[in-house]
Amino acid sequence: MKTLPLALLVVSVAAASSVGTVVAQKTLQNLGLHAQRSDCLASDPTIPDGTVIGTDPPAGSMVDPKSDVTVFVADSTSTTPCP
């Protein structure tokens, strides 16, 4: 990525869906982002617990360095549906 003045520097949210939580969080941290886990009930019951369902902002979004990224993680005991 081209070096820009700090105020203009952005990074792309990694495609973290369908991987384990640890891998997704580490990937986001390596990009200089803050991963915030949010457990949710997957709409597909065959998705194993601990699988990343998606992120907010979505994969491919441009965000400022050190931004918070919510990582939605499948949890069959959750009562909150995944977005």
PDB file of N, CA and C in Angstrom:
ATOM      1  N   MET A   1       0.841  -1.165   0.000  1.00  0.00           N
ATOM      2  CA  MET A   1       0.000   0.000   0.000  1.00  0.00           C
ATOM      3  C   MET A   1       0.890   1.232   0.000  1.00  0.00           C
ATOM      4  N   LYS A   2       0.518   2.220  -0.749  1.00  0.00           N
ATOM      5  CA  LYS A   2       1.275   3.461  -0.857  1.00  0.00           C
ATOM      6  C   LYS A   2       1.266   4.206   0.478  1.00  0.00           C
ATOM      7  N   THR A   3       2.402   4.750   0.838  1.00  0.00           N
ATOM      8  CA  THR A   3       2.502   5.520   2.074  1.00  0.00           C
ATOM      9  C   THR A   3       1.827   6.868   1.880  1.00  0.00           C
ATOM     10  N   LEU A   4       0.882   7.168   2.751  1.00  0.00           N
ATOM     11  CA  LEU A   4       0.139   8.414   2.701  1.00  0.00           C
ATOM     12  C   LEU A   4       0.295   9.128   4.033  1.00  0.00           C
ATOM     13  N   PRO A   5      -0.015  10.414   4.087  1.00  0.00           N
ATOM     14  CA  PRO A   5       0.001  11.088   5.378  1.00  0.00           C
ATOM     15  C   PRO A   5      -0.882  10.330   6.364  1.00  0.00           C
ATOM     16  N   LEU A   6      -0.501  10.330   7.640  1.00  0.00           N
ATOM     17  CA  LEU A   6      -1.190   9.544   8.656  1.00  0.00           C
ATOM     18  C   LEU A   6      -2.695   9.750   8.642  1.00  0.00           C
ATOM     19  N   ALA A   7      -3.152  10.963   8.445  1.00  0.00           N
ATOM     20  CA  ALA A   7      -4.581  11.245   8.468  1.00  0.00           C
ATOM     21  C   ALA A   7      -5.320  10.580   7.312  1.00  0.00           C
ATOM     22  N   LEU A   8      -4.608  10.232   6.247  1.00  0.00           N
ATOM     23  CA  LEU A   8      -5.246   9.645   5.076  1.00  0.00           C
ATOM     24  C   LEU A   8      -5.046   8.133   4.978  1.00  0.00           C
ATOM     25  N   LEU A   9      -4.195   7.585   5.846  1.00  0.00           N
ATOM     26  CA  LEU A   9      -3.861   6.171   5.748  1.00  0.00           C
ATOM     27  C   LEU A   9      -5.056   5.303   6.113  1.00  0.00           C
ATOM     28  N   VAL A  10      -5.385   4.357   5.261  1.00  0.00           N
ATOM     29  CA  VAL A  10      -6.463   3.409   5.534  1.00  0.00           C
ATOM     30  C   VAL A  10      -5.966   2.009   5.238  1.00  0.00           C
ATOM     31  N   VAL A  11      -6.599   1.050   5.837  1.00  0.00           N
ATOM     32  CA  VAL A  11      -6.268  -0.346   5.553  1.00  0.00           C
ATOM     33  C   VAL A  11      -7.538  -1.080   5.200  1.00  0.00           C
ATOM     34  N   SER A  12      -7.403  -2.174   4.517  1.00  0.00           N
ATOM     35  CA  SER A  12      -8.554  -2.971   4.111  1.00  0.00           C
ATOM     36  C   SER A  12      -8.830  -4.039   5.157  1.00  0.00           C
ATOM     37  N   VAL A  13     -10.105  -4.191   5.512  1.00  0.00           N
ATOM     38  CA  VAL A  13     -10.495  -5.246   6.441  1.00  0.00           C
ATOM     39  C   VAL A  13     -10.293  -6.581   5.739  1.00  0.00           C
ATOM     40  N   ALA A  14      -9.567  -7.478   6.383  1.00  0.00           N
ATOM     41  CA  ALA A  14      -9.252  -8.780   5.790  1.00  0.00           C
ATOM     42  C   ALA A  14     -10.509  -9.625   5.630  1.00  0.00           C
ATOM     43  N   ALA A  15     -10.488 -10.481   4.637  1.00  0.00           N
ATOM     44  CA  ALA A  15     -11.580 -11.432   4.480  1.00  0.00           C
ATOM     45  C   ALA A  15     -11.420 -12.497   5.553  1.00  0.00           C
ATOM     46  N   ALA A  16     -12.222 -12.391   6.592  1.00  0.00           N
ATOM     47  CA  ALA A  16     -12.046 -13.252   7.760  1.00  0.00           C
ATOM     48  C   ALA A  16     -13.137 -14.302   7.893  1.00  0.00           C
ATOM     49  N   SER A  17     -14.146 -14.269   7.044  1.00  0.00           N
ATOM     50  CA  SER A  17     -15.256 -15.204   7.179  1.00  0.00           C
ATOM     51  C   SER A  17     -14.818 -16.644   6.957  1.00  0.00           C
ATOM     52  N   SER A  18     -15.502 -17.542   7.620  1.00  0.00           N
ATOM     53  CA  SER A  18     -15.313 -18.988   7.484  1.00  0.00           C
ATOM     54  C   SER A  18     -13.958 -19.484   7.981  1.00  0.00           C
ATOM     55  N   VAL A  19     -13.337 -18.755   8.873  1.00  0.00           N
ATOM     56  CA  VAL A  19     -12.103 -19.216   9.504  1.00  0.00           C
ATOM     57  C   VAL A  19     -12.322 -19.195  11.007  1.00  0.00           C
ATOM     58  N   GLY A  20     -11.394 -19.759  11.733  1.00  0.00           N
ATOM     59  CA  GLY A  20     -11.500 -19.764  13.181  1.00  0.00           C
ATOM     60  C   GLY A  20     -11.284 -18.383  13.763  1.00  0.00           C
ATOM     61  N   THR A  21     -11.784 -18.203  14.970  1.00  0.00           N
ATOM     62  CA  THR A  21     -11.708 -16.916  15.651  1.00  0.00           C
ATOM     63  C   THR A  21     -10.281 -16.452  15.855  1.00  0.00           C
ATOM     64  N   VAL A  22      -9.401 -17.342  16.291  1.00  0.00           N
ATOM     65  CA  VAL A  22      -8.018 -16.956  16.572  1.00  0.00           C
ATOM     66  C   VAL A  22      -7.339 -16.451  15.308  1.00  0.00           C
ATOM     67  N   VAL A  23      -7.538 -17.147  14.196  1.00  0.00           N
ATOM     68  CA  VAL A  23      -6.939 -16.745  12.921  1.00  0.00           C
ATOM     69  C   VAL A  23      -7.471 -15.386  12.489  1.00  0.00           C
ATOM     70  N   ALA A  24      -8.776 -15.194  12.595  1.00  0.00           N
ATOM     71  CA  ALA A  24      -9.376 -13.923  12.178  1.00  0.00           C
ATOM     72  C   ALA A  24      -8.867 -12.773  13.030  1.00  0.00           C
ATOM     73  N   GLN A  25      -8.842 -12.965  14.353  1.00  0.00           N
ATOM     74  CA  GLN A  25      -8.392 -11.899  15.235  1.00  0.00           C
ATOM     75  C   GLN A  25      -6.917 -11.575  14.995  1.00  0.00           C
ATOM     76  N   LYS A  26      -6.098 -12.591  14.802  1.00  0.00           N
ATOM     77  CA  LYS A  26      -4.669 -12.372  14.549  1.00  0.00           C
ATOM     78  C   LYS A  26      -4.468 -11.638  13.220  1.00  0.00           C
ATOM     79  N   THR A  27      -5.230 -12.015  12.201  1.00  0.00           N
ATOM     80  CA  THR A  27      -5.135 -11.364  10.899  1.00  0.00           C
ATOM     81  C   THR A  27      -5.461  -9.878  11.020  1.00  0.00           C
ATOM     82  N   LEU A  28      -6.544  -9.571  11.739  1.00  0.00           N
ATOM     83  CA  LEU A  28      -6.929  -8.171  11.912  1.00  0.00           C
ATOM     84  C   LEU A  28      -5.891  -7.411  12.736  1.00  0.00           C
ATOM     85  N   GLN A  29      -5.370  -8.044  13.779  1.00  0.00           N
ATOM     86  CA  GLN A  29      -4.332  -7.399  14.591  1.00  0.00           C
ATOM     87  C   GLN A  29      -3.083  -7.118  13.775  1.00  0.00           C
ATOM     88  N   ASN A  30      -2.706  -8.057  12.900  1.00  0.00           N
ATOM     89  CA  ASN A  30      -1.532  -7.865  12.044  1.00  0.00           C
ATOM     90  C   ASN A  30      -1.719  -6.695  11.078  1.00  0.00           C
ATOM     91  N   LEU A  31      -2.978  -6.358  10.791  1.00  0.00           N
ATOM     92  CA  LEU A  31      -3.282  -5.207   9.936  1.00  0.00           C
ATOM     93  C   LEU A  31      -3.387  -3.916  10.742  1.00  0.00           C
ATOM     94  N   GLY A  32      -3.167  -4.011  12.060  1.00  0.00           N
ATOM     95  CA  GLY A  32      -3.241  -2.824  12.897  1.00  0.00           C
ATOM     96  C   GLY A  32      -4.648  -2.464  13.313  1.00  0.00           C
ATOM     97  N   LEU A  33      -5.554  -3.449  13.292  1.00  0.00           N
ATOM     98  CA  LEU A  33      -6.948  -3.213  13.661  1.00  0.00           C
ATOM     99  C   LEU A  33      -7.256  -3.885  14.997  1.00  0.00           C
ATOM    100  N   HIS A  34      -8.312  -3.434  15.663  1.00  0.00           N
ATOM    101  CA  HIS A  34      -8.724  -3.985  16.948  1.00  0.00           C
ATOM    102  C   HIS A  34      -9.941  -4.881  16.737  1.00  0.00           C
ATOM    103  N   ALA A  35      -9.765  -6.183  16.948  1.00  0.00           N
ATOM    104  CA  ALA A  35     -10.856  -7.146  16.776  1.00  0.00           C
ATOM    105  C   ALA A  35     -11.700  -7.200  18.039  1.00  0.00           C
ATOM    106  N   GLN A  36     -13.008  -7.067  17.874  1.00  0.00           N
ATOM    107  CA  GLN A  36     -13.967  -7.168  18.972  1.00  0.00           C
ATOM    108  C   GLN A  36     -14.879  -8.353  18.662  1.00  0.00           C
ATOM    109  N   ARG A  37     -14.832  -9.392  19.491  1.00  0.00           N
ATOM    110  CA  ARG A  37     -15.622 -10.595  19.244  1.00  0.00           C
ATOM    111  C   ARG A  37     -17.078 -10.383  19.658  1.00  0.00           C
ATOM    112  N   SER A  38     -17.983 -10.888  18.822  1.00  0.00           N
ATOM    113  CA  SER A  38     -19.412 -10.878  19.136  1.00  0.00           C
ATOM    114  C   SER A  38     -19.987 -12.241  18.778  1.00  0.00           C
ATOM    115  N   ASP A  39     -20.352 -13.024  19.804  1.00  0.00           N
ATOM    116  CA  ASP A  39     -20.943 -14.344  19.564  1.00  0.00           C
ATOM    117  C   ASP A  39     -22.384 -14.188  19.100  1.00  0.00           C
ATOM    118  N   CYS A  40     -22.782 -15.033  18.158  1.00  0.00           N
ATOM    119  CA  CYS A  40     -24.137 -14.950  17.620  1.00  0.00           C
ATOM    120  C   CYS A  40     -24.579 -16.321  17.112  1.00  0.00           C
ATOM    121  N   LEU A  41     -25.879 -16.465  16.948  1.00  0.00           N
ATOM    122  CA  LEU A  41     -26.467 -17.716  16.474  1.00  0.00           C
ATOM    123  C   LEU A  41     -26.492 -17.718  14.949  1.00  0.00           C
ATOM    124  N   ALA A  42     -25.762 -18.653  14.345  1.00  0.00           N
ATOM    125  CA  ALA A  42     -25.701 -18.739  12.879  1.00  0.00           C
ATOM    126  C   ALA A  42     -27.042 -19.198  12.322  1.00  0.00           C
ATOM    127  N   SER A  43     -27.405 -18.682  11.154  1.00  0.00           N
ATOM    128  CA  SER A  43     -28.664 -19.083  10.521  1.00  0.00           C
ATOM    129  C   SER A  43     -28.593 -20.511   9.985  1.00  0.00           C
ATOM    130  N   ASP A  44     -27.383 -21.000   9.722  1.00  0.00           N
ATOM    131  CA  ASP A  44     -27.167 -22.366   9.243  1.00  0.00           C
ATOM    132  C   ASP A  44     -26.656 -23.208  10.410  1.00  0.00           C
ATOM    133  N   PRO A  45     -27.471 -24.146  10.907  1.00  0.00           N
ATOM    134  CA  PRO A  45     -27.076 -24.936  12.080  1.00  0.00           C
ATOM    135  C   PRO A  45     -25.889 -25.866  11.845  1.00  0.00           C
ATOM    136  N   THR A  46     -25.451 -26.026  10.597  1.00  0.00           N
ATOM    137  CA  THR A  46     -24.304 -26.900  10.325  1.00  0.00           C
ATOM    138  C   THR A  46     -22.972 -26.167  10.491  1.00  0.00           C
ATOM    139  N   ILE A  47     -23.023 -24.852  10.680  1.00  0.00           N
ATOM    140  CA  ILE A  47     -21.784 -24.082  10.881  1.00  0.00           C
ATOM    141  C   ILE A  47     -21.288 -24.356  12.294  1.00  0.00           C
ATOM    142  N   PRO A  48     -20.050 -24.849  12.421  1.00  0.00           N
ATOM    143  CA  PRO A  48     -19.530 -25.184  13.749  1.00  0.00           C
ATOM    144  C   PRO A  48     -19.333 -23.955  14.637  1.00  0.00           C
ATOM    145  N   ASP A  49     -19.557 -24.132  15.932  1.00  0.00           N
ATOM    146  CA  ASP A  49     -19.265 -23.074  16.892  1.00  0.00           C
ATOM    147  C   ASP A  49     -17.811 -22.648  16.745  1.00  0.00           C
ATOM    148  N   GLY A  50     -17.559 -21.356  16.896  1.00  0.00           N
ATOM    149  CA  GLY A  50     -16.198 -20.832  16.795  1.00  0.00           C
ATOM    150  C   GLY A  50     -15.820 -20.385  15.402  1.00  0.00           C
ATOM    151  N   THR A  51     -16.681 -20.635  14.412  1.00  0.00           N
ATOM    152  CA  THR A  51     -16.408 -20.206  13.039  1.00  0.00           C
ATOM    153  C   THR A  51     -16.802 -18.743  12.879  1.00  0.00           C
ATOM    154  N   VAL A  52     -15.944 -17.976  12.248  1.00  0.00           N
ATOM    155  CA  VAL A  52     -16.266 -16.572  11.985  1.00  0.00           C
ATOM    156  C   VAL A  52     -17.299 -16.508  10.868  1.00  0.00           C
ATOM    157  N   ILE A  53     -18.399 -15.797  11.159  1.00  0.00           N
ATOM    158  CA  ILE A  53     -19.497 -15.649  10.206  1.00  0.00           C
ATOM    159  C   ILE A  53     -19.286 -14.429   9.316  1.00  0.00           C
ATOM    160  N   GLY A  54     -18.689 -13.397   9.871  1.00  0.00           N
ATOM    161  CA  GLY A  54     -18.460 -12.166   9.120  1.00  0.00           C
ATOM    162  C   GLY A  54     -17.891 -11.098  10.023  1.00  0.00           C
ATOM    163  N   THR A  55     -17.745  -9.907   9.478  1.00  0.00           N
ATOM    164  CA  THR A  55     -17.200  -8.779  10.231  1.00  0.00           C
ATOM    165  C   THR A  55     -18.016  -7.527   9.967  1.00  0.00           C
ATOM    166  N   ASP A  56     -17.876  -6.560  10.859  1.00  0.00           N
ATOM    167  CA  ASP A  56     -18.461  -5.246  10.670  1.00  0.00           C
ATOM    168  C   ASP A  56     -17.396  -4.230  11.038  1.00  0.00           C
ATOM    169  N   PRO A  57     -16.892  -3.459  10.085  1.00  0.00           N
ATOM    170  CA  PRO A  57     -17.326  -3.386   8.697  1.00  0.00           C
ATOM    171  C   PRO A  57     -16.994  -4.666   7.927  1.00  0.00           C
ATOM    172  N   PRO A  58     -17.709  -4.877   6.803  1.00  0.00           N
ATOM    173  CA  PRO A  58     -17.511  -6.100   6.020  1.00  0.00           C
ATOM    174  C   PRO A  58     -16.108  -6.207   5.416  1.00  0.00           C
ATOM    175  N   ALA A  59     -15.711  -7.428   5.095  1.00  0.00           N
ATOM    176  CA  ALA A  59     -14.425  -7.683   4.440  1.00  0.00           C
ATOM    177  C   ALA A  59     -14.295  -6.813   3.199  1.00  0.00           C
ATOM    178  N   GLY A  60     -13.106  -6.247   3.010  1.00  0.00           N
ATOM    179  CA  GLY A  60     -12.832  -5.402   1.852  1.00  0.00           C
ATOM    180  C   GLY A  60     -13.084  -3.928   2.101  1.00  0.00           C
ATOM    181  N   SER A  61     -13.708  -3.598   3.247  1.00  0.00           N
ATOM    182  CA  SER A  61     -13.964  -2.198   3.574  1.00  0.00           C
ATOM    183  C   SER A  61     -12.654  -1.484   3.880  1.00  0.00           C
ATOM    184  N   MET A  62     -12.601  -0.213   3.598  1.00  0.00           N
ATOM    185  CA  MET A  62     -11.454   0.606   3.932  1.00  0.00           C
ATOM    186  C   MET A  62     -11.735   1.295   5.263  1.00  0.00           C
ATOM    187  N   VAL A  63     -10.786   1.155   6.192  1.00  0.00           N
ATOM    188  CA  VAL A  63     -10.955   1.738   7.523  1.00  0.00           C
ATOM    189  C   VAL A  63      -9.657   2.420   7.950  1.00  0.00           C
ATOM    190  N   ASP A  64      -9.773   3.300   8.921  1.00  0.00           N
ATOM    191  CA  ASP A  64      -8.596   3.944   9.478  1.00  0.00           C
ATOM    192  C   ASP A  64      -7.788   2.945  10.294  1.00  0.00           C
ATOM    193  N   PRO A  65      -6.475   3.121  10.366  1.00  0.00           N
ATOM    194  CA  PRO A  65      -5.659   2.271  11.226  1.00  0.00           C
ATOM    195  C   PRO A  65      -6.182   2.330  12.660  1.00  0.00           C
ATOM    196  N   LYS A  66      -6.028   1.240  13.374  1.00  0.00           N
ATOM    197  CA  LYS A  66      -6.449   1.103  14.779  1.00  0.00           C
ATOM    198  C   LYS A  66      -7.956   1.123  14.962  1.00  0.00           C
ATOM    199  N   SER A  67      -8.709   0.972  13.873  1.00  0.00           N
ATOM    200  CA  SER A  67     -10.167   0.935  13.975  1.00  0.00           C
ATOM    201  C   SER A  67     -10.617  -0.354  14.641  1.00  0.00           C
ATOM    202  N   ASP A  68     -11.806  -0.287  15.279  1.00  0.00           N
ATOM    203  CA  ASP A  68     -12.427  -1.486  15.826  1.00  0.00           C
ATOM    204  C   ASP A  68     -13.142  -2.228  14.706  1.00  0.00           C
ATOM    205  N   VAL A  69     -13.004  -3.550  14.696  1.00  0.00           N
ATOM    206  CA  VAL A  69     -13.711  -4.404  13.749  1.00  0.00           C
ATOM    207  C   VAL A  69     -14.416  -5.475  14.564  1.00  0.00           C
ATOM    208  N   THR A  70     -15.731  -5.547  14.442  1.00  0.00           N
ATOM    209  CA  THR A  70     -16.493  -6.578  15.132  1.00  0.00           C
ATOM    210  C   THR A  70     -16.397  -7.871  14.343  1.00  0.00           C
ATOM    211  N   VAL A  71     -16.017  -8.944  15.032  1.00  0.00           N
ATOM    212  CA  VAL A  71     -15.909 -10.269  14.422  1.00  0.00           C
ATOM    213  C   VAL A  71     -17.081 -11.101  14.939  1.00  0.00           C
ATOM    214  N   PHE A  72     -17.998 -11.466  14.048  1.00  0.00           N
ATOM    215  CA  PHE A  72     -19.169 -12.256  14.431  1.00  0.00           C
ATOM    216  C   PHE A  72     -18.799 -13.739  14.397  1.00  0.00           C
ATOM    217  N   VAL A  73     -18.993 -14.411  15.544  1.00  0.00           N
ATOM    218  CA  VAL A  73     -18.556 -15.792  15.721  1.00  0.00           C
ATOM    219  C   VAL A  73     -19.757 -16.675  16.027  1.00  0.00           C
ATOM    220  N   ALA A  74     -19.876 -17.796  15.305  1.00  0.00           N
ATOM    221  CA  ALA A  74     -20.984 -18.730  15.516  1.00  0.00           C
ATOM    222  C   ALA A  74     -20.917 -19.331  16.916  1.00  0.00           C
ATOM    223  N   ASP A  75     -22.063 -19.311  17.593  1.00  0.00           N
ATOM    224  CA  ASP A  75     -22.201 -19.888  18.920  1.00  0.00           C
ATOM    225  C   ASP A  75     -23.634 -20.416  19.037  1.00  0.00           C
ATOM    226  N   SER A  76     -23.777 -21.728  19.045  1.00  0.00           N
ATOM    227  CA  SER A  76     -25.113 -22.340  19.046  1.00  0.00           C
ATOM    228  C   SER A  76     -25.889 -22.077  20.328  1.00  0.00           C
ATOM    229  N   THR A  77     -25.230 -21.577  21.379  1.00  0.00           N
ATOM    230  CA  THR A  77     -25.940 -21.269  22.632  1.00  0.00           C
ATOM    231  C   THR A  77     -26.387 -19.811  22.692  1.00  0.00           C
ATOM    232  N   SER A  78     -25.980 -19.016  21.719  1.00  0.00           N
ATOM    233  CA  SER A  78     -26.356 -17.597  21.703  1.00  0.00           C
ATOM    234  C   SER A  78     -27.818 -17.442  21.304  1.00  0.00           C
ATOM    235  N   THR A  79     -28.453 -16.414  21.816  1.00  0.00           N
ATOM    236  CA  THR A  79     -29.831 -16.108  21.412  1.00  0.00           C
ATOM    237  C   THR A  79     -29.879 -14.936  20.438  1.00  0.00           C
ATOM    238  N   THR A  80     -28.719 -14.336  20.164  1.00  0.00           N
ATOM    239  CA  THR A  80     -28.628 -13.221  19.228  1.00  0.00           C
ATOM    240  C   THR A  80     -28.285 -13.749  17.847  1.00  0.00           C
ATOM    241  N   PRO A  81     -29.153 -13.531  16.848  1.00  0.00           N
ATOM    242  CA  PRO A  81     -28.846 -14.007  15.493  1.00  0.00           C
ATOM    243  C   PRO A  81     -27.669 -13.254  14.887  1.00  0.00           C
ATOM    244  N   CYS A  82     -26.887 -13.945  14.076  1.00  0.00           N
ATOM    245  CA  CYS A  82     -25.793 -13.305  13.352  1.00  0.00           C
ATOM    246  C   CYS A  82     -26.382 -12.398  12.274  1.00  0.00           C
ATOM    247  N   PRO A  83     -25.719 -11.267  12.055  1.00  0.00           N
ATOM    248  CA  PRO A  83     -26.214 -10.366  10.986  1.00  0.00           C
ATOM    249  C   PRO A  83     -26.021 -10.961   9.608  1.00  0.00           C
TER     250      PRO A  83
END
